[in-house]
C-alpha atoms as a PDB file:
ATOM      1  CA  MET A   1     -28.137   2.216   5.450  1.00  0.00           C
ATOM      2  CA  LYS A   2     -27.406   0.274   8.552  1.00  0.00           C
ATOM      3  CA  LYS A   3     -25.291  -2.108   6.681  1.00  0.00           C
ATOM      4  CA  ILE A   4     -23.357   0.689   5.188  1.00  0.00           C
ATOM      5  CA  THR A   5     -22.960   2.336   8.657  1.00  0.00           C
ATOM      6  CA  THR A   6     -21.678  -1.020   9.828  1.00  0.00           C
ATOM      7  CA  ALA A   7     -19.395  -1.334   6.966  1.00  0.00           C
ATOM      8  CA  ILE A   8     -17.946   1.944   7.131  1.00  0.00           C
ATOM      9  CA  ALA A   9     -17.337   1.680  11.174  1.00  0.00           C
ATOM     10  CA  VAL A  10     -15.693  -1.914  10.754  1.00  0.00           C
ATOM     11  CA  MET A  11     -13.314  -0.031   7.970  1.00  0.00           C
ATOM     12  CA  LEU A  12     -12.629   2.924  10.167  1.00  0.00           C
ATOM     13  CA  ILE A  13     -11.638   0.814  13.424  1.00  0.00           C
ATOM     14  CA  ALA A  14      -9.413  -1.613  11.386  1.00  0.00           C
ATOM     15  CA  LEU A  15      -7.498   1.235  10.131  1.00  0.00           C
ATOM     16  CA  PHE A  16      -7.380   2.702  13.497  1.00  0.00           C
ATOM     17  CA  VAL A  17      -6.035  -0.517  14.962  1.00  0.00           C
ATOM     18  CA  THR A  18      -3.552  -1.082  12.004  1.00  0.00           C
ATOM     19  CA  SER A  19      -2.023   2.368  12.294  1.00  0.00           C
ATOM     20  CA  SER A  20      -2.112   2.303  16.369  1.00  0.00           C
ATOM     21  CA  ALA A  21      -0.244  -1.222  15.872  1.00  0.00           C
ATOM     22  CA  PHE A  22       2.727   0.131  14.169  1.00  0.00           C
ATOM     23  CA  GLY A  23       2.931   3.189  16.412  1.00  0.00           C
ATOM     24  CA  GLN A  24       4.357   5.802  14.021  1.00  0.00           C
ATOM     25  CA  ALA A  25       2.192   5.438  10.903  1.00  0.00           C
ATOM     26  CA  ASP A  26       4.231   7.932   8.799  1.00  0.00           C
ATOM     27  CA  ILE A  27       7.757   6.339   8.676  1.00  0.00           C
ATOM     28  CA  MET A  28       8.028   6.873   5.172  1.00  0.00           C
ATOM     29  CA  ASN A  29       5.787  10.067   5.007  1.00  0.00           C
ATOM     30  CA  LYS A  30       3.898   9.135   1.892  1.00  0.00           C
ATOM     31  CA  THR A  31       0.106   8.969   1.148  1.00  0.00           C
ATOM     32  CA  TYR A  32      -1.653   8.091  -1.961  1.00  0.00           C
ATOM     33  CA  VAL A  33      -5.248   9.380  -2.160  1.00  0.00           C
ATOM     34  CA  GLY A  34      -7.116   8.972  -5.680  1.00  0.00           C
ATOM     35  CA  GLY A  35      -9.514   7.534  -7.386  1.00  0.00           C
ATOM     36  CA  SER A  36     -10.073   5.018 -10.548  1.00  0.00           C
ATOM     37  CA  LEU A  37     -12.254   3.197 -13.069  1.00  0.00           C
ATOM     38  CA  GLY A  38     -12.874  -0.307 -13.384  1.00  0.00           C
ATOM     39  CA  ILE A  39     -14.548  -3.557 -14.534  1.00  0.00           C
ATOM     40  CA  TRP A  40     -16.232  -5.572 -12.469  1.00  0.00           C
ATOM     41  CA  TYR A  41     -19.947  -6.333 -12.890  1.00  0.00           C
ATOM     42  CA  GLY A  42     -20.294  -3.537 -15.164  1.00  0.00           C
ATOM     43  CA  LEU A  43     -18.168  -0.217 -15.197  1.00  0.00           C
ATOM     44  CA  GLY A  44     -17.807   1.297 -11.782  1.00  0.00           C
ATOM     45  CA  PHE A  45     -15.419   3.842  -9.977  1.00  0.00           C
ATOM     46  CA  SER A  46     -13.589   3.756  -6.417  1.00  0.00           C
ATOM     47  CA  ALA A  47     -11.964   6.290  -4.425  1.00  0.00           C
ATOM     48  CA  ASN A  48      -9.020   4.903  -2.434  1.00  0.00           C
ATOM     49  CA  PHE A  49      -6.617   5.943   0.472  1.00  0.00           C
ATOM     50  CA  GLU A  50      -3.177   4.582   1.086  1.00  0.00           C
ATOM     51  CA  LYS A  51      -0.382   5.167   3.978  1.00  0.00           C
ATOM     52  CA  ILE A  52       3.137   3.865   3.628  1.00  0.00           C
ATOM     53  CA  PHE A  53       4.249   3.069   6.946  1.00  0.00           C
ATOM     54  CA  ASN A  54       7.449   0.923   6.775  1.00  0.00           C
ATOM     55  CA  GLU A  55      10.648   0.147   4.868  1.00  0.00           C
ATOM     56  CA  ILE A  56      12.310  -3.135   4.379  1.00  0.00           C
ATOM     57  CA  GLU A  57      15.473  -2.514   3.345  1.00  0.00           C
ATOM     58  CA  ASP A  58      16.404  -3.085  -0.438  1.00  0.00           C
ATOM     59  CA  LEU A  59      13.115  -4.856  -1.246  1.00  0.00           C
ATOM     60  CA  GLY A  60      10.478  -1.823  -1.026  1.00  0.00           C
ATOM     61  CA  VAL A  61       7.990  -0.515   1.142  1.00  0.00           C
ATOM     62  CA  ILE A  62       4.685  -1.750   3.362  1.00  0.00           C
ATOM     63  CA  GLY A  63       1.568   0.229   3.303  1.00  0.00           C
ATOM     64  CA  PHE A  64      -1.998  -0.049   4.327  1.00  0.00           C
ATOM     65  CA  GLY A  65      -5.278   1.834   3.108  1.00  0.00           C
ATOM     66  CA  ALA A  66      -8.879   1.652   2.141  1.00  0.00           C
ATOM     67  CA  GLU A  67     -10.895   1.421  -0.804  1.00  0.00           C
ATOM     68  CA  VAL A  68     -14.878   2.447  -1.337  1.00  0.00           C
ATOM     69  CA  GLY A  69     -16.458   1.666  -4.937  1.00  0.00           C
ATOM     70  CA  TYR A  70     -19.624   1.690  -6.834  1.00  0.00           C
ATOM     71  CA  ALA A  71     -20.711  -0.607  -9.814  1.00  0.00           C
ATOM     72  CA  SER A  72     -23.546  -1.612 -11.591  1.00  0.00           C
ATOM     73  CA  ARG A  73     -25.242  -3.499 -14.126  1.00  0.00           C
ATOM     74  CA  LYS A  74     -28.613  -4.293 -15.936  1.00  0.00           C
ATOM     75  CA  VAL A  75     -29.758  -7.675 -17.027  1.00  0.00           C
ATOM     76  CA  GLY A  76     -32.814  -7.266 -19.305  1.00  0.00           C
ATOM     77  CA  TYR A  77     -35.574  -9.717 -21.142  1.00  0.00           C
ATOM     78  CA  SER A  78     -37.453  -9.272 -23.998  1.00  0.00           C
ATOM     79  CA  TRP A  79     -41.091 -11.216 -23.334  1.00  0.00           C
ATOM     80  CA  PHE A  80     -44.624 -11.149 -25.460  1.00  0.00           C
ATOM     81  CA  GLY A  81     -43.308  -7.409 -26.667  1.00  0.00           C
ATOM     82  CA  GLY A  82     -42.374  -6.059 -23.284  1.00  0.00           C
ATOM     83  CA  ASP A  83     -39.002  -5.438 -21.525  1.00  0.00           C
ATOM     84  CA  TYR A  84     -38.263  -6.704 -18.054  1.00  0.00           C
ATOM     85  CA  GLY A  85     -35.024  -6.995 -15.949  1.00  0.00           C
ATOM     86  CA  TRP A  86     -33.026  -6.303 -12.884  1.00  0.00           C
ATOM     87  CA  LYS A  87     -30.326  -3.500 -12.086  1.00  0.00           C
ATOM     88  CA  TYR A  88     -27.846  -4.732  -9.493  1.00  0.00           C
ATOM     89  CA  THR A  89     -25.737  -2.416  -7.437  1.00  0.00           C
ATOM     90  CA  TYR A  90     -22.411  -3.376  -5.860  1.00  0.00           C
ATOM     91  CA  ILE A  91     -20.909  -1.268  -3.028  1.00  0.00           C
ATOM     92  CA  PRO A  92     -17.700  -2.804  -2.130  1.00  0.00           C
ATOM     93  CA  ILE A  93     -15.680  -1.609   0.884  1.00  0.00           C
ATOM     94  CA  PHE A  94     -12.230  -3.036   1.534  1.00  0.00           C
ATOM     95  CA  VAL A  95      -8.960  -2.531   3.905  1.00  0.00           C
ATOM     96  CA  PHE A  96      -5.912  -3.406   2.430  1.00  0.00           C
ATOM     97  CA  GLY A  97      -2.158  -4.240   3.337  1.00  0.00           C
ATOM     98  CA  SER A  98       0.169  -3.335   0.259  1.00  0.00           C
ATOM     99  CA  PHE A  99       4.005  -4.233  -0.660  1.00  0.00           C
ATOM    100  CA  HIS A 100       5.466  -1.557  -2.941  1.00  0.00           C
ATOM    101  CA  TYR A 101       8.777  -3.102  -4.974  1.00  0.00           C
ATOM    102  CA  LYS A 102      11.678  -1.262  -4.711  1.00  0.00           C
ATOM    103  CA  LEU A 103      13.196  -0.293  -8.387  1.00  0.00           C
ATOM    104  CA  ASN A 104      15.961   1.740  -9.673  1.00  0.00           C
ATOM    105  CA  ASN A 105      13.081   3.721 -11.492  1.00  0.00           C
ATOM    106  CA  PRO A 106      11.716   6.668  -9.260  1.00  0.00           C
ATOM    107  CA  LYS A 107       8.720   7.185 -11.664  1.00  0.00           C
ATOM    108  CA  LEU A 108       7.502   3.481 -11.408  1.00  0.00           C
ATOM    109  CA  ASP A 109       5.829   1.908  -8.237  1.00  0.00           C
ATOM    110  CA  PRO A 110       4.986  -1.675  -8.965  1.00  0.00           C
ATOM    111  CA  TYR A 111       2.758  -2.813  -5.968  1.00  0.00           C
ATOM    112  CA  ALA A 112       0.682  -5.845  -4.709  1.00  0.00           C
ATOM    113  CA  ARG A 113      -2.451  -5.812  -2.266  1.00  0.00           C
ATOM    114  CA  LEU A 114      -4.051  -8.139   0.009  1.00  0.00           C
ATOM    115  CA  GLY A 115      -7.060  -7.028   1.630  1.00  0.00           C
ATOM    116  CA  LEU A 116     -10.777  -7.951   3.368  1.00  0.00           C
ATOM    117  CA  GLY A 117     -14.022  -6.346   2.426  1.00  0.00           C
ATOM    118  CA  TYR A 118     -17.539  -6.125   2.588  1.00  0.00           C
ATOM    119  CA  VAL A 119     -19.506  -5.844  -0.440  1.00  0.00           C
ATOM    120  CA  ILE A 120     -23.366  -4.559  -0.193  1.00  0.00           C
ATOM    121  CA  VAL A 121     -25.273  -5.747  -3.300  1.00  0.00           C
ATOM    122  CA  SER A 122     -28.999  -4.831  -4.145  1.00  0.00           C
ATOM    123  CA  ALA A 123     -31.080  -5.442  -6.915  1.00  0.00           C
ATOM    124  CA  SER A 124     -34.316  -4.028  -8.375  1.00  0.00           C
ATOM    125  CA  GLU A 125     -36.777  -4.798 -11.071  1.00  0.00           C
ATOM    126  CA  TYR A 126     -37.631  -2.350 -14.014  1.00  0.00           C
ATOM    127  CA  GLY A 127     -39.519  -2.508 -17.362  1.00  0.00           C
ATOM    128  CA  ASP A 128     -42.744  -3.088 -18.380  1.00  0.00           C
ATOM    129  CA  TYR A 129     -43.513  -6.017 -15.918  1.00  0.00           C
ATOM    130  CA  THR A 130     -42.682  -4.751 -12.784  1.00  0.00           C
ATOM    131  CA  GLY A 131     -44.275  -5.135  -9.191  1.00  0.00           C
ATOM    132  CA  THR A 132     -43.679  -9.102  -9.220  1.00  0.00           C
ATOM    133  CA  TRP A 133     -40.621  -9.484  -7.372  1.00  0.00           C
ATOM    134  CA  GLY A 134     -39.859  -6.000  -5.657  1.00  0.00           C
ATOM    135  CA  THR A 135     -36.310  -5.388  -4.764  1.00  0.00           C
ATOM    136  CA  ALA A 136     -33.505  -7.738  -2.540  1.00  0.00           C
ATOM    137  CA  THR A 137     -30.505  -6.928  -0.840  1.00  0.00           C
ATOM    138  CA  ASP A 138     -27.500  -9.031  -0.208  1.00  0.00           C
ATOM    139  CA  SER A 139     -24.059  -8.624   1.548  1.00  0.00           C
ATOM    140  CA  TYR A 140     -20.954 -10.470   1.768  1.00  0.00           C
ATOM    141  CA  VAL A 141     -17.426 -10.561   3.058  1.00  0.00           C
ATOM    142  CA  SER A 142     -14.541 -11.085   0.450  1.00  0.00           C
ATOM    143  CA  PHE A 143     -11.259 -11.521   0.285  1.00  0.00           C
ATOM    144  CA  SER A 144      -9.105  -9.353  -2.394  1.00  0.00           C
ATOM    145  CA  GLY A 145      -5.759  -9.133  -4.139  1.00  0.00           C
ATOM    146  CA  GLN A 146      -4.641  -6.779  -6.689  1.00  0.00           C
ATOM    147  CA  ALA A 147      -1.356  -6.326  -8.404  1.00  0.00           C
ATOM    148  CA  GLY A 148      -0.456  -2.712 -10.115  1.00  0.00           C
ATOM    149  CA  ILE A 149       2.139  -0.239 -11.288  1.00  0.00           C
ATOM    150  CA  ARG A 150       1.959   3.332 -10.713  1.00  0.00           C
ATOM    151  CA  TYR A 151       3.778   5.776 -12.856  1.00  0.00           C
ATOM    152  CA  LEU A 152       4.766   9.120 -11.974  1.00  0.00           C
ATOM    153  CA  VAL A 153       3.879  12.072 -14.649  1.00  0.00           C
ATOM    154  CA  SER A 154       4.505  15.121 -12.208  1.00  0.00           C
ATOM    155  CA  PRO A 155       5.370  15.843  -8.742  1.00  0.00           C
ATOM    156  CA  GLY A 156       3.008  14.263  -6.636  1.00  0.00           C
ATOM    157  CA  ILE A 157       0.634  12.915  -9.319  1.00  0.00           C
ATOM    158  CA  TRP A 158       0.633   9.423 -10.354  1.00  0.00           C
ATOM    159  CA  LEU A 159      -1.239   7.411 -13.207  1.00  0.00           C
ATOM    160  CA  ARG A 160      -2.329   3.886 -11.918  1.00  0.00           C
ATOM    161  CA  ALA A 161      -3.256   0.680 -13.566  1.00  0.00           C
ATOM    162  CA  ALA A 162      -4.275  -2.520 -11.743  1.00  0.00           C
ATOM    163  CA  VAL A 163      -5.778  -5.971 -11.896  1.00  0.00           C
ATOM    164  CA  GLY A 164      -7.216  -8.251  -9.317  1.00  0.00           C
ATOM    165  CA  THR A 165     -10.028  -7.995  -7.233  1.00  0.00           C
ATOM    166  CA  PRO A 166     -12.638  -6.557  -6.488  1.00  0.00           C
ATOM    167  CA  TRP A 167     -12.203  -4.842  -9.899  1.00  0.00           C
ATOM    168  CA  ILE A 168     -10.672  -7.124 -12.753  1.00  0.00           C
ATOM    169  CA  ALA A 169      -9.231  -4.367 -14.177  1.00  0.00           C
ATOM    170  CA  SER A 170      -8.801  -0.577 -13.539  1.00  0.00           C
ATOM    171  CA  ILE A 171      -7.244   2.372 -14.189  1.00  0.00           C
ATOM    172  CA  GLY A 172      -6.824   5.656 -12.379  1.00  0.00           C
ATOM    173  CA  ALA A 173      -4.700   8.635 -10.617  1.00  0.00           C
ATOM    174  CA  ASP A 174      -3.269   9.216  -7.451  1.00  0.00           C
ATOM    175  CA  MET A 175      -1.891  12.152  -5.569  1.00  0.00           C
ATOM    176  CA  THR A 176       0.841  12.043  -2.975  1.00  0.00           C
ATOM    177  CA  LEU A 177       0.270  14.056  -0.066  1.00  0.00           C
END
């Protein structure tokens, strides 16, 4: 729990420092909030927030945001008639900067993101032979990179698809606030 609290505190401080450094963070007055399903170490889901804060004339806009997710997988074995294995849980917490390319089509929003994050990993055994190893935890700092595109389906509602990290591939939906 202490690791999760520390990671969230680091993320909030980074968002505060980033938004303070740019003065008025709502220059473009566009905020995306949404969720997605993705493939990483098994199927997972995430929630994200992004604020657009600056326009680069004739090129696009720049934003910053955060993403928090959850993924899990099981690795199992059969041994002398019994089953045994490990369940791994991953909780990625990332902050990122993004660039949204300007297109002549207002329904399309291609973007690229670069970020820094903290991934909390835990493992626990399951099955007929439990009690030998117990549980384990680990955490690490990781960089992220992502390329994606949003498609406007109705005013304020976007569908999103992306490839990169922390999710190898993801699909989701965002609302513009």
